Amino acid sequence: HVMIRFALECDMLEGRLAVADLPEAWRARYQSDIGITPPDHRDGCLQDVHWCWGIGGMFQSYTIGNILSAQLYRAALAAHPEIESETRAGSYRTLHRWLIDNVYRHGRKLAPAELVRRATGEPIGTAAYLGYLREKYGRLYGLG
């Protein structure tokens, strides 16, 4: 879904796809990519609010959020290794306290890059997220 939406957004932004042609392009991509043909626009290109509300370009922000969350979580774990066992037990107290102290209390007074640098000790980067993905999928699929 996300990859199809992103590809079609790029096509529209770059002038390769007219908005009027979006519903059919969506149906064709769903059929070719995942073997599903949506029965109507509601269950097709308008199945979530992004396009029907006129909002485009949203999915890259999800990726940025994933990257930042991994980096912040790694820093929180470095400061409080007990966070992992606490969250497994259903307690988020230590993690929440770390987020309050290192992220939330700053509100909008810091630019995102500065906030991340202060909270993690490093600039925004993908290393923590890529490490998370390698560990997760390596374990799931027995990758070396």
N, C-alpha and C. Protein backbone atom coordinates (compact mmCIF):
# COMPACT_ATOMS: atom_id res chain seq x y z
N HIS A 1 0.83 -1.19 0.00
CA HIS A 1 0.00 0.00 0.00
C HIS A 1 0.88 1.26 0.00
N VAL A 2 1.79 1.32 0.93
CA VAL A 2 2.63 2.51 1.06
C VAL A 2 3.51 2.68 -0.18
N MET A 3 4.09 1.60 -0.66
CA MET A 3 4.95 1.71 -1.84
C MET A 3 4.16 2.10 -3.07
N ILE A 4 2.95 1.56 -3.22
CA ILE A 4 2.11 1.93 -4.36
C ILE A 4 1.72 3.40 -4.26
N ARG A 5 1.28 3.82 -3.09
CA ARG A 5 0.88 5.22 -2.90
C ARG A 5 2.05 6.16 -3.17
N PHE A 6 3.21 5.82 -2.65
CA PHE A 6 4.38 6.68 -2.85
C PHE A 6 4.75 6.77 -4.33
N ALA A 7 4.74 5.64 -5.03
CA ALA A 7 5.09 5.64 -6.45
C ALA A 7 4.09 6.48 -7.25
N LEU A 8 2.80 6.34 -6.93
CA LEU A 8 1.79 7.12 -7.66
C LEU A 8 1.89 8.61 -7.32
N GLU A 9 2.19 8.93 -6.07
CA GLU A 9 2.40 10.35 -5.71
C GLU A 9 3.55 10.93 -6.52
N CYS A 10 4.64 10.19 -6.62
CA CYS A 10 5.78 10.67 -7.41
C CYS A 10 5.37 10.88 -8.85
N ASP A 11 4.61 9.93 -9.40
CA ASP A 11 4.15 10.07 -10.79
C ASP A 11 3.30 11.33 -10.96
N MET A 12 2.43 11.61 -9.99
CA MET A 12 1.60 12.82 -10.10
C MET A 12 2.45 14.08 -9.96
N LEU A 13 3.34 14.10 -8.99
CA LEU A 13 4.17 15.28 -8.76
C LEU A 13 5.10 15.57 -9.93
N GLU A 14 5.54 14.52 -10.60
CA GLU A 14 6.46 14.69 -11.71
C GLU A 14 5.75 14.78 -13.06
N GLY A 15 4.40 14.85 -13.04
CA GLY A 15 3.63 15.07 -14.25
C GLY A 15 3.42 13.85 -15.14
N ARG A 16 3.75 12.68 -14.65
CA ARG A 16 3.56 11.45 -15.44
C ARG A 16 2.16 10.87 -15.27
N LEU A 17 1.42 11.36 -14.27
CA LEU A 17 0.08 10.84 -13.99
C LEU A 17 -0.84 12.01 -13.65
N ALA A 18 -1.93 12.11 -14.36
CA ALA A 18 -2.93 13.15 -14.07
C ALA A 18 -3.80 12.67 -12.91
N VAL A 19 -4.26 13.59 -12.10
CA VAL A 19 -5.12 13.24 -10.96
C VAL A 19 -6.35 12.48 -11.43
N ALA A 20 -6.91 12.89 -12.57
CA ALA A 20 -8.10 12.21 -13.09
C ALA A 20 -7.84 10.74 -13.42
N ASP A 21 -6.58 10.40 -13.67
CA ASP A 21 -6.22 9.02 -14.01
C ASP A 21 -5.80 8.19 -12.80
N LEU A 22 -5.78 8.81 -11.63
CA LEU A 22 -5.32 8.12 -10.42
C LEU A 22 -6.14 6.87 -10.09
N PRO A 23 -7.47 6.92 -10.08
CA PRO A 23 -8.21 5.71 -9.68
C PRO A 23 -7.87 4.49 -10.53
N GLU A 24 -7.76 4.67 -11.82
CA GLU A 24 -7.42 3.53 -12.68
C GLU A 24 -5.98 3.10 -12.49
N ALA A 25 -5.08 4.05 -12.31
CA ALA A 25 -3.68 3.70 -12.06
C ALA A 25 -3.56 2.92 -10.75
N TRP A 26 -4.33 3.31 -9.74
CA TRP A 26 -4.33 2.61 -8.45
C TRP A 26 -4.80 1.17 -8.64
N ARG A 27 -5.92 1.02 -9.34
CA ARG A 27 -6.46 -0.33 -9.59
C ARG A 27 -5.44 -1.19 -10.34
N ALA A 28 -4.81 -0.62 -11.35
CA ALA A 28 -3.84 -1.38 -12.15
C ALA A 28 -2.63 -1.79 -11.31
N ARG A 29 -2.12 -0.87 -10.48
CA ARG A 29 -0.96 -1.20 -9.64
C ARG A 29 -1.32 -2.23 -8.58
N TYR A 30 -2.48 -2.11 -7.98
CA TYR A 30 -2.90 -3.10 -6.99
C TYR A 30 -3.01 -4.48 -7.64
N GLN A 31 -3.57 -4.52 -8.83
CA GLN A 31 -3.72 -5.80 -9.53
C GLN A 31 -2.35 -6.37 -9.90
N SER A 32 -1.49 -5.55 -10.48
CA SER A 32 -0.20 -6.07 -10.94
C SER A 32 0.76 -6.37 -9.79
N ASP A 33 0.72 -5.54 -8.74
CA ASP A 33 1.70 -5.71 -7.65
C ASP A 33 1.28 -6.74 -6.62
N ILE A 34 -0.02 -6.77 -6.27
CA ILE A 34 -0.43 -7.68 -5.18
C ILE A 34 -1.63 -8.56 -5.53
N GLY A 35 -2.11 -8.48 -6.77
CA GLY A 35 -3.16 -9.39 -7.21
C GLY A 35 -4.55 -9.08 -6.67
N ILE A 36 -4.78 -7.85 -6.28
CA ILE A 36 -6.08 -7.43 -5.75
C ILE A 36 -6.62 -6.32 -6.64
N THR A 37 -7.90 -6.40 -6.97
CA THR A 37 -8.55 -5.32 -7.71
C THR A 37 -9.60 -4.69 -6.81
N PRO A 38 -9.35 -3.45 -6.36
CA PRO A 38 -10.34 -2.79 -5.50
C PRO A 38 -11.69 -2.66 -6.23
N PRO A 39 -12.80 -2.89 -5.53
CA PRO A 39 -14.10 -2.84 -6.19
C PRO A 39 -14.58 -1.43 -6.52
N ASP A 40 -14.04 -0.43 -5.84
CA ASP A 40 -14.49 0.95 -6.05
C ASP A 40 -13.40 1.90 -5.56
N HIS A 41 -13.61 3.20 -5.74
CA HIS A 41 -12.61 4.19 -5.31
C HIS A 41 -12.47 4.23 -3.80
N ARG A 42 -13.57 4.04 -3.09
CA ARG A 42 -13.53 4.07 -1.63
C ARG A 42 -12.55 3.04 -1.08
N ASP A 43 -12.55 1.86 -1.65
CA ASP A 43 -11.64 0.81 -1.21
C ASP A 43 -10.36 0.81 -2.04
N GLY A 44 -10.25 1.73 -2.97
CA GLY A 44 -9.06 1.88 -3.80
C GLY A 44 -8.26 3.08 -3.35
N CYS A 45 -8.11 4.04 -4.24
CA CYS A 45 -7.21 5.17 -3.97
C CYS A 45 -7.71 6.10 -2.86
N LEU A 46 -8.98 6.00 -2.48
CA LEU A 46 -9.49 6.86 -1.40
C LEU A 46 -9.67 6.10 -0.09
N GLN A 47 -9.01 4.96 0.05
CA GLN A 47 -9.21 4.13 1.24
C GLN A 47 -8.70 4.75 2.53
N ASP A 48 -7.82 5.70 2.45
CA ASP A 48 -7.45 6.44 3.65
C ASP A 48 -7.57 7.93 3.35
N VAL A 49 -7.34 8.74 4.33
CA VAL A 49 -7.67 10.16 4.23
C VAL A 49 -6.66 11.02 3.47
N HIS A 50 -5.48 10.52 3.18
CA HIS A 50 -4.43 11.37 2.65
C HIS A 50 -4.83 12.08 1.36
N TRP A 51 -5.31 11.35 0.39
CA TRP A 51 -5.62 11.99 -0.88
C TRP A 51 -7.00 12.63 -0.88
N CYS A 52 -7.98 12.01 -0.24
CA CYS A 52 -9.31 12.63 -0.27
C CYS A 52 -9.33 13.93 0.52
N TRP A 53 -8.38 14.13 1.43
CA TRP A 53 -8.26 15.41 2.14
C TRP A 53 -7.30 16.36 1.42
N GLY A 54 -6.74 15.89 0.31
CA GLY A 54 -5.81 16.73 -0.45
C GLY A 54 -4.41 16.79 0.13
N ILE A 55 -4.04 15.77 0.90
CA ILE A 55 -2.72 15.74 1.54
C ILE A 55 -1.85 14.75 0.78
N GLY A 56 -0.76 15.22 0.25
CA GLY A 56 0.18 14.34 -0.44
C GLY A 56 1.53 14.39 0.26
N GLY A 57 2.39 13.50 -0.13
CA GLY A 57 3.75 13.51 0.40
C GLY A 57 3.87 13.14 1.86
N MET A 58 2.99 12.29 2.36
CA MET A 58 2.99 11.97 3.79
C MET A 58 3.89 10.79 4.15
N PHE A 59 4.08 9.85 3.25
CA PHE A 59 4.69 8.60 3.64
C PHE A 59 6.17 8.71 3.96
N GLN A 60 6.86 9.64 3.35
CA GLN A 60 8.26 9.81 3.72
C GLN A 60 8.38 10.29 5.17
N SER A 61 7.38 11.01 5.68
CA SER A 61 7.45 11.43 7.08
C SER A 61 7.32 10.24 8.02
N TYR A 62 6.64 9.19 7.60
CA TYR A 62 6.58 7.98 8.42
C TYR A 62 7.98 7.37 8.53
N THR A 63 8.71 7.35 7.44
CA THR A 63 10.06 6.80 7.46
C THR A 63 10.96 7.63 8.36
N ILE A 64 10.86 8.93 8.25
CA ILE A 64 11.66 9.80 9.12
C ILE A 64 11.32 9.52 10.58
N GLY A 65 10.05 9.34 10.90
CA GLY A 65 9.66 9.01 12.27
C GLY A 65 10.24 7.69 12.73
N ASN A 66 10.26 6.69 11.85
CA ASN A 66 10.85 5.40 12.20
C ASN A 66 12.35 5.54 12.47
N ILE A 67 13.03 6.31 11.63
CA ILE A 67 14.47 6.52 11.80
C ILE A 67 14.74 7.21 13.13
N LEU A 68 13.98 8.27 13.41
CA LEU A 68 14.20 9.02 14.66
C LEU A 68 13.84 8.19 15.88
N SER A 69 12.77 7.42 15.80
CA SER A 69 12.38 6.63 16.98
C SER A 69 13.45 5.60 17.32
N ALA A 70 14.05 4.98 16.31
CA ALA A 70 15.12 4.00 16.58
C ALA A 70 16.33 4.68 17.21
N GLN A 71 16.67 5.85 16.72
CA GLN A 71 17.82 6.57 17.26
C GLN A 71 17.56 7.01 18.70
N LEU A 72 16.38 7.53 18.96
CA LEU A 72 16.04 7.96 20.32
C LEU A 72 15.97 6.76 21.27
N TYR A 73 15.38 5.66 20.81
CA TYR A 73 15.27 4.47 21.65
C TYR A 73 16.65 3.92 22.00
N ARG A 74 17.55 3.90 21.02
CA ARG A 74 18.91 3.42 21.29
C ARG A 74 19.59 4.28 22.36
N ALA A 75 19.40 5.59 22.29
CA ALA A 75 19.98 6.48 23.30
C ALA A 75 19.34 6.25 24.67
N ALA A 76 18.03 6.04 24.69
CA ALA A 76 17.35 5.77 25.96
C ALA A 76 17.86 4.47 26.56
N LEU A 77 18.05 3.44 25.75
CA LEU A 77 18.58 2.16 26.24
C LEU A 77 20.00 2.29 26.76
N ALA A 78 20.80 3.11 26.10
CA ALA A 78 22.17 3.31 26.56
C ALA A 78 22.18 3.94 27.95
N ALA A 79 21.25 4.84 28.19
CA ALA A 79 21.16 5.49 29.50
C ALA A 79 20.48 4.61 30.54
N HIS A 80 19.55 3.77 30.10
CA HIS A 80 18.75 2.94 31.01
C HIS A 80 18.53 1.55 30.41
N PRO A 81 19.51 0.65 30.52
CA PRO A 81 19.36 -0.68 29.92
C PRO A 81 18.15 -1.46 30.44
N GLU A 82 17.64 -1.09 31.58
CA GLU A 82 16.48 -1.79 32.15
C GLU A 82 15.19 -1.53 31.37
N ILE A 83 15.22 -0.58 30.46
CA ILE A 83 14.01 -0.25 29.68
C ILE A 83 13.48 -1.48 28.95
N GLU A 84 14.36 -2.30 28.37
CA GLU A 84 13.89 -3.48 27.64
C GLU A 84 13.10 -4.43 28.52
N SER A 85 13.63 -4.76 29.69
CA SER A 85 12.91 -5.70 30.57
C SER A 85 11.65 -5.05 31.13
N GLU A 86 11.68 -3.76 31.38
CA GLU A 86 10.49 -3.08 31.88
C GLU A 86 9.37 -3.09 30.83
N THR A 87 9.72 -2.80 29.57
CA THR A 87 8.67 -2.77 28.55
C THR A 87 8.11 -4.17 28.30
N ARG A 88 8.96 -5.20 28.39
CA ARG A 88 8.45 -6.57 28.27
C ARG A 88 7.44 -6.88 29.37
N ALA A 89 7.63 -6.26 30.53
CA ALA A 89 6.72 -6.46 31.66
C ALA A 89 5.54 -5.49 31.62
N GLY A 90 5.47 -4.65 30.57
CA GLY A 90 4.34 -3.74 30.43
C GLY A 90 4.51 -2.40 31.11
N SER A 91 5.71 -2.08 31.55
CA SER A 91 5.97 -0.79 32.19
C SER A 91 6.79 0.10 31.27
N TYR A 92 6.34 1.32 31.12
CA TYR A 92 7.03 2.27 30.25
C TYR A 92 7.53 3.48 31.04
N ARG A 93 7.54 3.35 32.33
CA ARG A 93 7.87 4.47 33.21
C ARG A 93 9.25 5.06 32.93
N THR A 94 10.27 4.23 32.88
CA THR A 94 11.63 4.74 32.68
C THR A 94 11.78 5.34 31.29
N LEU A 95 11.26 4.66 30.28
CA LEU A 95 11.32 5.20 28.92
C LEU A 95 10.57 6.53 28.84
N HIS A 96 9.41 6.59 29.43
CA HIS A 96 8.62 7.83 29.41
C HIS A 96 9.38 8.96 30.11
N ARG A 97 9.98 8.66 31.23
CA ARG A 97 10.74 9.68 31.97
C ARG A 97 11.91 10.18 31.11
N TRP A 98 12.60 9.26 30.42
CA TRP A 98 13.71 9.66 29.55
C TRP A 98 13.20 10.56 28.43
N LEU A 99 12.09 10.20 27.82
CA LEU A 99 11.52 11.03 26.76
C LEU A 99 11.13 12.41 27.27
N ILE A 100 10.55 12.46 28.45
CA ILE A 100 10.19 13.76 29.04
C ILE A 100 11.45 14.61 29.22
N ASP A 101 12.47 14.02 29.82
CA ASP A 101 13.70 14.76 30.13
C ASP A 101 14.49 15.17 28.89
N ASN A 102 14.47 14.34 27.86
CA ASN A 102 15.35 14.56 26.72
C ASN A 102 14.66 15.05 25.45
N VAL A 103 13.34 14.89 25.37
CA VAL A 103 12.64 15.28 24.15
C VAL A 103 11.48 16.22 24.45
N TYR A 104 10.49 15.72 25.18
CA TYR A 104 9.24 16.46 25.35
C TYR A 104 9.41 17.82 26.01
N ARG A 105 10.29 17.94 26.97
CA ARG A 105 10.42 19.20 27.71
C ARG A 105 10.90 20.35 26.84
N HIS A 106 11.47 20.02 25.70
CA HIS A 106 11.98 21.07 24.82
C HIS A 106 10.90 21.68 23.92
N GLY A 107 9.78 20.96 23.77
CA GLY A 107 8.72 21.49 22.91
C GLY A 107 9.27 21.86 21.55
N ARG A 108 8.94 23.08 21.11
CA ARG A 108 9.40 23.54 19.79
C ARG A 108 10.56 24.52 19.91
N LYS A 109 11.18 24.60 21.08
CA LYS A 109 12.25 25.59 21.22
C LYS A 109 13.54 25.18 20.50
N LEU A 110 13.67 23.91 20.15
CA LEU A 110 14.85 23.44 19.42
C LEU A 110 14.44 22.94 18.04
N ALA A 111 15.29 23.17 17.08
CA ALA A 111 15.08 22.58 15.76
C ALA A 111 15.25 21.06 15.88
N PRO A 112 14.57 20.28 15.04
CA PRO A 112 14.67 18.82 15.16
C PRO A 112 16.10 18.29 15.18
N ALA A 113 16.95 18.80 14.31
CA ALA A 113 18.34 18.31 14.27
C ALA A 113 19.05 18.55 15.59
N GLU A 114 18.84 19.72 16.19
CA GLU A 114 19.47 20.03 17.48
C GLU A 114 18.88 19.18 18.59
N LEU A 115 17.58 18.99 18.59
CA LEU A 115 16.93 18.15 19.60
C LEU A 115 17.50 16.73 19.56
N VAL A 116 17.61 16.16 18.38
CA VAL A 116 18.14 14.80 18.25
C VAL A 116 19.60 14.76 18.68
N ARG A 117 20.38 15.73 18.28
CA ARG A 117 21.79 15.76 18.69
C ARG A 117 21.94 15.82 20.20
N ARG A 118 21.14 16.67 20.85
CA ARG A 118 21.21 16.76 22.31
C ARG A 118 20.75 15.48 23.00
N ALA A 119 19.67 14.89 22.47
CA ALA A 119 19.10 13.70 23.11
C ALA A 119 19.95 12.46 22.90
N THR A 120 20.61 12.36 21.74
CA THR A 120 21.31 11.13 21.40
C THR A 120 22.82 11.27 21.37
N GLY A 121 23.31 12.51 21.34
CA GLY A 121 24.74 12.73 21.25
C GLY A 121 25.30 12.61 19.84
N GLU A 122 24.42 12.50 18.84
CA GLU A 122 24.87 12.39 17.46
C GLU A 122 23.85 13.03 16.54
N PRO A 123 24.27 13.38 15.33
CA PRO A 123 23.31 13.96 14.38
C PRO A 123 22.30 12.91 13.93
N ILE A 124 21.21 13.38 13.35
CA ILE A 124 20.21 12.46 12.81
C ILE A 124 20.89 11.54 11.80
N GLY A 125 20.64 10.25 11.95
CA GLY A 125 21.26 9.28 11.05
C GLY A 125 20.44 8.00 11.00
N THR A 126 20.79 7.15 10.08
CA THR A 126 20.04 5.92 9.87
C THR A 126 20.64 4.69 10.55
N ALA A 127 21.79 4.81 11.18
CA ALA A 127 22.48 3.64 11.74
C ALA A 127 21.61 2.85 12.72
N ALA A 128 20.95 3.52 13.64
CA ALA A 128 20.13 2.81 14.63
C ALA A 128 18.96 2.09 13.96
N TYR A 129 18.32 2.73 13.00
CA TYR A 129 17.18 2.12 12.32
C TYR A 129 17.63 0.93 11.48
N LEU A 130 18.72 1.09 10.75
CA LEU A 130 19.22 -0.03 9.94
C LEU A 130 19.65 -1.18 10.84
N GLY A 131 20.25 -0.88 11.98
CA GLY A 131 20.61 -1.92 12.94
C GLY A 131 19.38 -2.65 13.45
N TYR A 132 18.34 -1.90 13.77
CA TYR A 132 17.07 -2.50 14.22
C TYR A 132 16.51 -3.42 13.15
N LEU A 133 16.47 -2.95 11.89
CA LEU A 133 15.93 -3.76 10.81
C LEU A 133 16.76 -5.02 10.59
N ARG A 134 18.08 -4.89 10.61
CA ARG A 134 18.94 -6.07 10.43
C ARG A 134 18.72 -7.09 11.54
N GLU A 135 18.63 -6.61 12.76
CA GLU A 135 18.43 -7.51 13.89
C GLU A 135 17.06 -8.18 13.80
N LYS A 136 16.03 -7.41 13.57
CA LYS A 136 14.67 -7.94 13.52
C LYS A 136 14.50 -8.95 12.40
N TYR A 137 14.85 -8.56 11.18
CA TYR A 137 14.63 -9.45 10.05
C TYR A 137 15.68 -10.55 9.98
N GLY A 138 16.86 -10.30 10.52
CA GLY A 138 17.85 -11.36 10.60
C GLY A 138 17.37 -12.49 11.50
N ARG A 139 16.76 -12.12 12.61
CA ARG A 139 16.20 -13.12 13.53
C ARG A 139 14.99 -13.82 12.92
N LEU A 140 14.11 -13.06 12.30
CA LEU A 140 12.91 -13.64 11.70
C LEU A 140 13.20 -14.61 10.56
N TYR A 141 14.17 -14.23 9.72
CA TYR A 141 14.42 -14.99 8.51
C TYR A 141 15.76 -15.73 8.52
N GLY A 142 16.44 -15.76 9.66
CA GLY A 142 17.70 -16.47 9.75
C GLY A 142 18.78 -15.92 8.84
N LEU A 143 18.81 -14.59 8.71
CA LEU A 143 19.81 -13.96 7.86
C LEU A 143 21.10 -13.77 8.64
N GLY A 144 22.22 -13.86 7.96
CA GLY A 144 23.51 -13.74 8.62
C GLY A 144 23.97 -12.37 8.64
